[in-house]
Protein backbone atom coordinates (compact mmCIF):
# COMPACT_ATOMS: atom_id res chain seq x y z
CA MET A 1 101.89 98.19 81.59
CA THR A 2 99.91 100.61 83.71
CA GLN A 3 98.99 104.15 82.78
CA ALA A 4 98.67 107.00 85.20
CA VAL A 5 95.33 108.76 85.03
CA ALA A 6 95.51 112.51 85.38
CA PRO A 7 92.90 114.09 87.65
CA ALA A 8 90.13 115.96 85.85
CA PRO A 9 90.63 119.73 85.88
CA VAL A 10 88.32 121.56 88.24
CA PRO A 11 87.16 125.01 87.06
CA ALA A 12 87.92 127.83 89.45
CA ALA A 13 84.89 129.36 91.09
CA ILE A 14 84.34 133.06 90.37
CA PRO A 15 82.95 134.84 93.41
CA LEU A 16 79.80 136.86 92.74
CA ARG A 17 81.31 139.87 94.53
CA GLU A 18 84.04 140.06 91.89
CA LEU A 19 81.62 139.61 88.99
CA ALA A 20 78.87 142.01 90.13
CA PRO A 21 80.66 145.33 89.42
CA TRP A 22 81.59 144.22 85.91
CA ALA A 23 78.05 143.00 85.23
CA LEU A 24 76.65 146.33 86.45
CA PHE A 25 79.13 148.26 84.28
CA ALA A 26 78.25 146.17 81.21
CA GLY A 27 74.53 146.63 81.92
CA VAL A 28 74.87 150.42 82.11
CA ILE A 29 76.87 150.51 78.87
CA LEU A 30 74.33 148.28 77.09
CA LEU A 31 71.41 150.39 78.29
CA ALA A 32 73.15 153.54 77.06
CA LEU A 33 73.71 151.93 73.66
CA LEU A 34 70.11 150.77 73.54
CA TYR A 35 68.98 154.33 74.27
CA LEU A 36 71.24 155.81 71.61
CA VAL A 37 70.11 153.34 68.96
CA GLY A 38 66.47 153.04 69.85
CA MET A 39 65.15 156.05 71.68
CA ASP A 40 67.31 159.04 70.77
CA GLN A 41 65.21 161.15 68.44
CA GLY A 42 62.94 164.12 68.73
CA ALA A 43 61.94 165.54 72.11
CA THR A 44 64.00 163.12 74.21
CA SER A 45 67.18 163.58 72.20
CA VAL A 46 70.38 164.01 74.17
CA VAL A 47 72.41 164.86 71.08
CA SER A 48 71.21 167.80 69.01
CA GLY A 49 70.69 167.40 65.28
CA GLN A 50 70.00 164.36 63.14
CA MET A 51 73.54 162.99 62.85
CA LEU A 52 73.10 160.28 65.49
CA HIS A 53 69.73 159.26 64.05
CA GLU A 54 71.15 158.92 60.55
CA PHE A 55 74.22 157.07 61.82
CA VAL A 56 72.18 154.33 63.57
CA HIS A 57 69.24 154.37 61.13
CA ASP A 58 69.70 150.84 59.75
CA GLY A 59 70.40 149.46 63.21
CA ARG A 60 67.09 150.89 64.39
CA HIS A 61 65.22 148.98 61.69
CA LEU A 62 67.25 145.83 62.35
CA LEU A 63 66.27 145.92 66.04
CA GLY A 64 62.63 146.70 65.24
CA PHE A 65 62.46 150.31 66.41
CA PRO A 66 60.18 152.55 64.36
CA CYS A 67 61.69 155.82 63.26
CA HIS A 68 59.49 157.17 60.47
């Protein structure tokens, strides 16, 4: 009795030109989130008031940003 061996699946190559815009978009979003969590307070604040600071307060400490 002989068994047929199935060929190993070959992963499809993802062209860099298709991946680059999505990587750039994700990078911009992540940098904006990093700014909002880590840097947005005081003189460089984009959002007025303390609501954003209080909302991300614990996240700031978790990521090691000083805020006091």
